[in-house]
Amino acid sequence: MTASMPSEILAISDFDGARAAPGPADRLAEVRRRATAFRQKMLSEIDVVFYRSINLITVPFPVKYGLRDAAFSISPLLCIFNRLFVVQYNTSAGLKTLLFSPSDAEADEQTPFFQTLLNTPFRPIIEPLLVPFRRTVEEALALTGIKPEQVDYISYDHLHTQDIRKWLGTNGAPGVFPNAKLLVMKHEWASANALLPSQALWYCPNGVAGIDLNKIVQLDGSAKLGDGIALVHSPGHTEGNHSLVAKTPDGIFVTSENGICADSYAPQHSKIPGVKKNAARYGIDIIMNANTLENSNDQYISMDMERTIAGPSKRDPKFYNMAPSSELTSNFLFPFMKPTFSFGELEFGKPQVQ
């Protein structure tokens, strides 16, 4: 048995049945309509208490996946910055702390795709160039002053490359966050425990093995976690993908790995070589992160939903308030593979510490 649903977490019905139409364009229109209404509801809420995104590690990633063959690049790789999102918010059960996308980089390297990428005798030479920055989740959380025992929940938009055993504990051994539970969509939890070979390439072997099921909260769909925060089901990249939605003084921020940069959601304004031209040629206004295309139509619709909920950035209204969990970052090895507009690290409010 997995954990019972915490009393403060409420189901969101705003998108129920929105993808029922047989025609993809009809589904897109309906989801966009629902997302517009949901955005207005979120704007009427109070802000989360604290929101901070913190750099964890730079990771090499194929251009053909990150920008789905839309970019022109001599190099097959680009670099993305994996980030930890620390959010505190009020609920009917008091203040709660969520860590979104806490990546155990050392364990995550066991993911088959990255094992293949890094399995080279030249690794000691190239790794410092491809991975110039590395910070642990523990170090990142310490920057906020929040203690590990204060963490109530951890969550990921999906479980690609993630090994969560260190955080929750395994086979009876305690985890780094002794009071934390995983918030995950039922579809994602089911996939992680019964993978097809095509999926297994991107999942960390045994990354969820031996975890006390009482620490696993399975969500049936989109859920409101508390004041100004929700997890919205955004299927496509994986069946159980979900997106973090948080209201801040700078508007609503939406986070996932559906897209790897602001350019992904507004390619018509991109300065990345080839992206704007490619989008215009094919009439595409979204560039998907396409390492796994479990359902590309759904992912396209989900990304439109995300940007509709987020709305325009106050810093540059040409782009949306989409703060990717893994954001394209510049690296001197790939001088033209850099985002036109970058969010970088964000911080709003003050952390509540014990």
Protein backbone atom coordinates (compact mmCIF):
# COMPACT_ATOMS: atom_id res chain seq x y z
CA MET A 1 0.00 0.00 0.00
CA THR A 2 1.24 3.47 -0.86
CA ALA A 3 0.70 6.48 1.38
CA SER A 4 -2.79 7.86 1.88
CA MET A 5 -3.52 11.25 0.35
CA PRO A 6 -2.52 14.06 2.73
CA SER A 7 -5.56 16.09 3.79
CA GLU A 8 -4.19 19.39 2.46
CA ILE A 9 -3.73 18.08 -1.10
CA LEU A 10 -6.84 18.61 -3.20
CA ALA A 11 -7.70 17.23 -6.62
CA ILE A 12 -7.93 19.74 -9.48
CA SER A 13 -10.73 19.02 -11.93
CA ASP A 14 -10.10 21.99 -14.25
CA PHE A 15 -8.58 19.81 -16.98
CA ASP A 16 -10.77 16.72 -16.63
CA GLY A 17 -11.87 15.54 -20.08
CA ALA A 18 -10.00 18.34 -21.86
CA ARG A 19 -8.19 15.86 -24.14
CA ALA A 20 -11.22 13.76 -25.00
CA ALA A 21 -11.74 15.06 -28.55
CA PRO A 22 -10.42 12.77 -31.33
CA GLY A 23 -8.80 15.65 -33.22
CA PRO A 24 -5.45 16.90 -31.83
CA ALA A 25 -6.21 20.51 -32.84
CA ASP A 26 -9.53 20.30 -31.00
CA ARG A 27 -7.76 18.95 -27.92
CA LEU A 28 -5.24 21.77 -28.10
CA ALA A 29 -7.97 24.42 -28.29
CA GLU A 30 -9.85 22.95 -25.34
CA VAL A 31 -6.76 22.56 -23.16
CA ARG A 32 -5.74 26.14 -23.98
CA ARG A 33 -9.19 27.39 -23.00
CA ARG A 34 -9.02 25.51 -19.70
CA ALA A 35 -5.45 26.72 -19.08
CA THR A 36 -6.52 30.34 -19.58
CA ALA A 37 -9.23 29.94 -16.95
CA PHE A 38 -6.88 28.09 -14.60
CA ARG A 39 -4.33 30.90 -14.90
CA GLN A 40 -6.93 33.40 -13.72
CA LYS A 41 -7.69 31.21 -10.70
CA MET A 42 -4.01 30.99 -9.83
CA LEU A 43 -3.57 34.75 -10.19
CA SER A 44 -6.27 35.27 -7.58
CA GLU A 45 -4.32 33.22 -5.02
CA ILE A 46 -1.75 34.50 -2.55
CA ASP A 47 1.92 33.99 -3.34
CA VAL A 48 3.88 31.04 -2.07
CA VAL A 49 5.87 31.89 1.06
CA PHE A 50 9.28 31.14 -0.45
CA TYR A 51 10.51 30.16 -3.90
CA ARG A 52 14.11 29.61 -4.91
CA SER A 53 15.78 27.80 -7.79
CA ILE A 54 19.39 26.75 -7.22
CA ASN A 55 21.99 25.49 -9.70
CA LEU A 56 23.02 21.87 -9.16
CA ILE A 57 25.03 20.59 -12.09
CA THR A 58 25.74 21.18 -15.76
CA VAL A 59 24.97 18.17 -17.94
CA PRO A 60 25.83 17.47 -21.61
CA PHE A 61 22.77 16.70 -23.70
CA PRO A 62 22.25 15.99 -27.41
CA VAL A 63 21.12 18.97 -29.49
CA LYS A 64 18.83 16.71 -31.53
CA TYR A 65 16.88 15.89 -28.37
CA GLY A 66 16.93 19.17 -26.47
CA LEU A 67 15.86 21.26 -29.47
CA ARG A 68 14.31 18.46 -31.57
CA ASP A 69 16.41 18.94 -34.69
CA ALA A 70 15.37 22.61 -34.92
CA ALA A 71 18.83 24.06 -34.20
CA PHE A 72 21.83 24.22 -36.49
CA SER A 73 24.92 23.09 -34.58
CA ILE A 74 28.32 21.73 -35.54
CA SER A 75 28.55 19.99 -32.18
CA PRO A 76 26.11 17.18 -31.37
CA LEU A 77 25.92 18.36 -27.74
CA LEU A 78 24.73 21.33 -25.71
CA CYS A 79 24.76 21.93 -21.96
CA ILE A 80 21.82 22.14 -19.58
CA PHE A 81 21.81 23.31 -15.97
CA ASN A 82 19.90 20.99 -13.64
CA ARG A 83 18.30 23.02 -10.85
CA LEU A 84 16.68 22.38 -7.51
CA PHE A 85 13.46 24.26 -6.76
CA VAL A 86 12.73 24.91 -3.08
CA VAL A 87 9.17 26.06 -2.40
CA GLN A 88 7.46 26.77 0.91
CA TYR A 89 3.73 27.44 1.04
CA ASN A 90 0.81 27.60 3.41
CA THR A 91 -1.81 24.86 3.61
CA SER A 92 -4.74 23.88 5.81
CA ALA A 93 -2.23 21.66 7.65
CA GLY A 94 0.32 24.45 8.15
CA LEU A 95 3.51 25.44 6.33
CA LYS A 96 4.90 22.83 3.92
CA THR A 97 8.25 22.55 2.15
CA LEU A 98 8.60 20.99 -1.31
CA LEU A 99 11.81 20.15 -3.13
CA PHE A 100 11.18 19.93 -6.85
CA SER A 101 13.75 18.08 -8.96
CA PRO A 102 16.33 17.15 -6.30
CA SER A 103 18.82 15.20 -8.43
CA ASP A 104 21.36 12.82 -6.91
CA ALA A 105 23.92 13.45 -9.65
CA GLU A 106 26.33 10.70 -8.64
CA ALA A 107 23.65 7.99 -8.59
CA ASP A 108 21.86 9.39 -11.64
CA GLU A 109 24.97 8.78 -13.76
CA GLN A 110 23.99 5.09 -13.75
CA THR A 111 21.20 5.91 -16.22
CA PRO A 112 22.05 3.79 -19.31
CA PHE A 113 22.07 6.73 -21.72
CA PHE A 114 24.58 8.69 -19.64
CA GLN A 115 26.65 5.57 -18.96
CA THR A 116 27.08 5.24 -22.73
CA LEU A 117 27.84 8.95 -23.14
CA LEU A 118 30.43 8.99 -20.35
CA ASN A 119 31.97 5.58 -21.08
CA THR A 120 35.13 6.82 -22.76
CA PRO A 121 38.80 6.63 -21.81
CA PHE A 122 38.92 10.41 -22.30
CA ARG A 123 36.38 11.04 -19.52
CA PRO A 124 38.94 12.49 -17.04
CA ILE A 125 39.84 15.08 -19.67
CA ILE A 126 36.45 15.99 -21.10
CA GLU A 127 34.30 15.77 -17.95
CA PRO A 128 35.67 18.99 -16.37
CA LEU A 129 34.88 20.76 -19.64
CA LEU A 130 31.38 19.36 -20.03
CA VAL A 131 30.55 19.49 -16.32
CA PRO A 132 32.24 22.67 -15.05
CA PHE A 133 29.82 23.14 -12.14
CA ARG A 134 28.60 20.63 -9.58
CA ARG A 135 26.71 21.17 -6.32
CA THR A 136 24.90 18.58 -4.21
CA VAL A 137 21.27 18.88 -3.18
CA GLU A 138 22.40 19.01 0.45
CA GLU A 139 24.70 21.96 -0.31
CA ALA A 140 21.94 23.71 -2.25
CA LEU A 141 19.38 23.29 0.51
CA ALA A 142 21.90 24.55 3.09
CA LEU A 143 22.03 27.84 1.17
CA THR A 144 18.41 28.44 2.21
CA GLY A 145 18.89 27.56 5.87
CA ILE A 146 16.09 24.99 5.63
CA LYS A 147 16.90 21.78 7.50
CA PRO A 148 16.55 18.34 5.86
CA GLU A 149 13.94 17.31 8.44
CA GLN A 150 11.77 20.27 7.38
CA VAL A 151 11.25 18.81 3.91
CA ASP A 152 7.71 17.46 3.62
CA TYR A 153 7.67 16.46 -0.05
CA ILE A 154 9.94 15.85 -3.00
CA SER A 155 8.70 15.68 -6.58
CA TYR A 156 9.91 15.53 -10.18
CA ASP A 157 8.06 16.32 -13.38
CA HIS A 158 8.97 12.72 -14.30
CA LEU A 159 11.46 10.12 -13.10
CA HIS A 160 13.90 10.03 -16.03
CA THR A 161 17.47 9.65 -14.73
CA GLN A 162 16.33 9.97 -11.10
CA ASP A 163 17.51 7.80 -8.20
CA ILE A 164 15.42 8.79 -5.18
CA ARG A 165 16.66 6.18 -2.72
CA LYS A 166 19.14 8.54 -1.06
CA TRP A 167 16.40 11.04 -0.22
CA LEU A 168 13.68 8.69 1.07
CA GLY A 169 15.76 5.79 2.32
CA THR A 170 15.65 2.20 1.15
CA ASN A 171 15.27 -1.26 2.68
CA GLY A 172 14.60 0.23 6.09
CA ALA A 173 17.58 2.61 6.11
CA PRO A 174 16.67 6.29 6.69
CA GLY A 175 16.95 8.85 3.93
CA VAL A 176 18.49 12.32 3.89
CA PHE A 177 14.98 13.78 4.24
CA PRO A 178 13.52 11.65 7.02
CA ASN A 179 10.04 13.22 6.95
CA ALA A 180 9.65 13.56 3.18
CA LYS A 181 7.28 11.77 0.82
CA LEU A 182 7.36 11.56 -2.96
CA LEU A 183 4.53 13.20 -4.90
CA VAL A 184 4.18 11.36 -8.21
CA MET A 185 1.50 10.68 -10.80
CA LYS A 186 0.17 7.12 -10.77
CA HIS A 187 1.14 6.65 -14.42
CA GLU A 188 4.72 7.71 -13.73
CA TRP A 189 5.10 5.42 -10.72
CA ALA A 190 3.69 2.52 -12.71
CA SER A 191 6.09 3.21 -15.61
CA ALA A 192 9.13 3.42 -13.35
CA ASN A 193 8.29 -0.02 -11.98
CA ALA A 194 7.45 -1.73 -15.29
CA LEU A 195 9.56 -0.19 -18.05
CA LEU A 196 9.74 -1.05 -21.73
CA PRO A 197 13.30 -1.29 -23.10
CA SER A 198 12.84 2.01 -24.94
CA GLN A 199 11.98 3.71 -21.65
CA ALA A 200 14.64 1.96 -19.58
CA LEU A 201 17.38 3.78 -21.48
CA TRP A 202 16.40 6.94 -19.59
CA TYR A 203 15.51 5.58 -16.14
CA CYS A 204 18.11 4.98 -13.44
CA PRO A 205 18.31 1.22 -12.71
CA ASN A 206 16.74 0.44 -9.34
CA GLY A 207 16.22 4.16 -8.74
CA VAL A 208 12.97 3.52 -6.86
CA ALA A 209 13.77 0.05 -5.47
CA GLY A 210 13.28 -0.78 -1.83
CA ILE A 211 11.54 2.44 -0.86
CA ASP A 212 8.88 2.25 1.84
CA LEU A 213 5.60 2.59 -0.07
CA ASN A 214 4.21 4.66 2.79
CA LYS A 215 6.52 7.38 1.51
CA ILE A 216 4.94 7.36 -1.97
CA VAL A 217 1.90 9.60 -2.58
CA GLN A 218 0.37 8.69 -5.92
CA LEU A 219 -1.72 11.40 -7.56
CA ASP A 220 -4.65 10.56 -9.85
CA GLY A 221 -4.18 13.81 -11.75
CA SER A 222 -3.57 17.51 -11.26
CA ALA A 223 -3.48 18.54 -7.61
CA LYS A 224 -3.51 21.72 -5.55
CA LEU A 225 -0.83 21.45 -2.86
CA GLY A 226 -1.60 24.66 -1.01
CA ASP A 227 -1.84 28.41 -1.39
CA GLY A 228 -0.37 29.49 -4.73
CA ILE A 229 1.00 26.09 -5.74
CA ALA A 230 -0.17 23.15 -7.84
CA LEU A 231 1.11 20.13 -9.75
CA VAL A 232 -0.60 19.99 -13.15
CA HIS A 233 -0.61 16.76 -15.15
CA SER A 234 1.24 17.46 -18.41
CA PRO A 235 1.45 14.12 -20.24
CA GLY A 236 3.46 13.50 -23.37
CA HIS A 237 7.15 13.45 -22.53
CA THR A 238 6.07 10.60 -20.27
CA GLU A 239 2.52 9.47 -19.51
CA GLY A 240 2.83 10.63 -15.91
CA ASN A 241 4.62 13.92 -16.51
CA HIS A 242 3.50 16.84 -14.35
CA SER A 243 4.45 20.51 -14.09
CA LEU A 244 5.07 22.66 -11.03
CA VAL A 245 2.92 25.80 -10.96
CA ALA A 246 3.80 28.44 -8.37
CA LYS A 247 2.55 32.00 -7.89
CA THR A 248 5.25 34.51 -6.98
CA PRO A 249 5.61 38.32 -6.91
CA ASP A 250 6.90 38.03 -10.49
CA GLY A 251 3.81 36.15 -11.64
CA ILE A 252 3.13 32.47 -12.15
CA PHE A 253 6.16 30.29 -12.82
CA VAL A 254 5.72 26.89 -14.44
CA THR A 255 8.51 24.32 -14.30
CA SER A 256 9.09 21.04 -16.12
CA GLU A 257 11.57 19.52 -18.56
CA ASN A 258 9.14 19.54 -21.48
CA GLY A 259 11.23 22.37 -22.92
CA ILE A 260 14.84 23.22 -22.09
CA CYS A 261 14.75 27.00 -22.50
CA ALA A 262 12.53 30.03 -23.00
CA ASP A 263 13.20 29.66 -26.74
CA SER A 264 11.37 26.31 -26.65
CA TYR A 265 8.11 28.10 -25.86
CA ALA A 266 8.62 31.12 -28.14
CA PRO A 267 10.87 29.97 -31.02
CA GLN A 268 9.78 32.88 -33.19
CA HIS A 269 11.96 35.10 -30.98
CA SER A 270 14.92 32.74 -30.74
CA LYS A 271 18.46 33.70 -31.70
CA ILE A 272 19.73 30.13 -31.45
CA PRO A 273 20.97 29.28 -34.97
CA GLY A 274 18.27 27.59 -37.00
CA VAL A 275 15.45 27.61 -34.42
CA LYS A 276 13.48 30.63 -35.65
CA LYS A 277 13.88 29.59 -39.28
CA ASN A 278 12.84 26.01 -38.55
CA ALA A 279 9.77 27.14 -36.61
CA ALA A 280 8.70 29.46 -39.44
CA ARG A 281 9.28 26.84 -42.13
CA TYR A 282 7.05 24.26 -40.46
CA GLY A 283 4.61 26.54 -38.66
CA ILE A 284 5.74 25.20 -35.28
CA ASP A 285 5.52 27.49 -32.26
CA ILE A 286 6.87 25.02 -29.69
CA ILE A 287 10.16 23.09 -29.66
CA MET A 288 9.87 19.93 -27.57
CA ASN A 289 12.52 18.24 -25.48
CA ALA A 290 12.38 15.06 -27.50
CA ASN A 291 14.67 12.46 -25.95
CA THR A 292 11.61 10.26 -25.41
CA LEU A 293 8.55 10.83 -27.53
CA GLU A 294 6.05 8.69 -25.66
CA ASN A 295 3.30 10.89 -27.11
CA SER A 296 4.48 13.92 -29.07
CA ASN A 297 0.97 15.27 -29.69
CA ASP A 298 0.25 15.27 -25.97
CA GLN A 299 3.61 16.85 -25.18
CA TYR A 300 2.98 19.65 -27.68
CA ILE A 301 -0.44 20.30 -26.12
CA SER A 302 1.06 20.17 -22.61
CA MET A 303 3.70 22.75 -23.49
CA ASP A 304 1.03 25.06 -24.88
CA MET A 305 -0.90 24.53 -21.63
CA GLU A 306 2.20 25.33 -19.56
CA ARG A 307 2.96 28.62 -21.30
CA THR A 308 -0.69 29.66 -21.20
CA ILE A 309 -0.78 29.13 -17.44
CA ALA A 310 2.56 30.90 -16.98
CA GLY A 311 1.82 33.98 -19.06
CA PRO A 312 4.46 36.48 -20.23
CA SER A 313 7.64 37.20 -18.31
CA LYS A 314 7.86 40.61 -16.65
CA ARG A 315 11.54 40.71 -17.57
CA ASP A 316 10.86 40.16 -21.27
CA PRO A 317 7.21 39.80 -22.38
CA LYS A 318 8.28 38.13 -25.64
CA PHE A 319 8.95 35.04 -23.56
CA TYR A 320 6.87 33.08 -21.10
CA ASN A 321 7.40 32.55 -17.37
CA MET A 322 8.65 29.03 -18.04
CA ALA A 323 11.51 28.13 -15.70
CA PRO A 324 12.80 24.75 -16.94
CA SER A 325 14.03 22.24 -14.38
CA SER A 326 16.96 21.73 -16.76
CA GLU A 327 17.73 24.98 -18.59
CA LEU A 328 19.98 25.42 -21.60
CA THR A 329 23.16 27.18 -20.51
CA SER A 330 26.17 28.53 -22.36
CA ASN A 331 29.40 26.56 -22.54
CA PHE A 332 32.54 27.73 -24.36
CA LEU A 333 32.67 24.39 -26.18
CA PHE A 334 29.33 25.19 -27.85
CA PRO A 335 29.42 29.00 -28.29
CA PHE A 336 26.19 29.30 -30.31
CA MET A 337 24.13 26.97 -28.16
CA LYS A 338 22.92 29.46 -25.59
CA PRO A 339 19.39 30.64 -24.76
CA THR A 340 18.11 33.93 -26.14
CA PHE A 341 16.54 34.65 -22.75
CA SER A 342 17.46 32.88 -19.53
CA PHE A 343 15.82 32.80 -16.11
CA GLY A 344 18.86 31.60 -14.23
CA GLU A 345 18.46 31.24 -10.48
CA LEU A 346 15.33 32.82 -8.99
CA GLU A 347 14.40 33.78 -5.44
CA PHE A 348 11.25 35.25 -3.92
CA GLY A 349 10.20 35.60 -0.29
CA LYS A 350 12.09 34.48 2.79
CA PRO A 351 12.62 30.89 3.90
CA GLN A 352 10.94 29.78 7.10
CA VAL A 353 13.57 27.85 9.05
CA GLN A 354 13.53 25.93 12.28
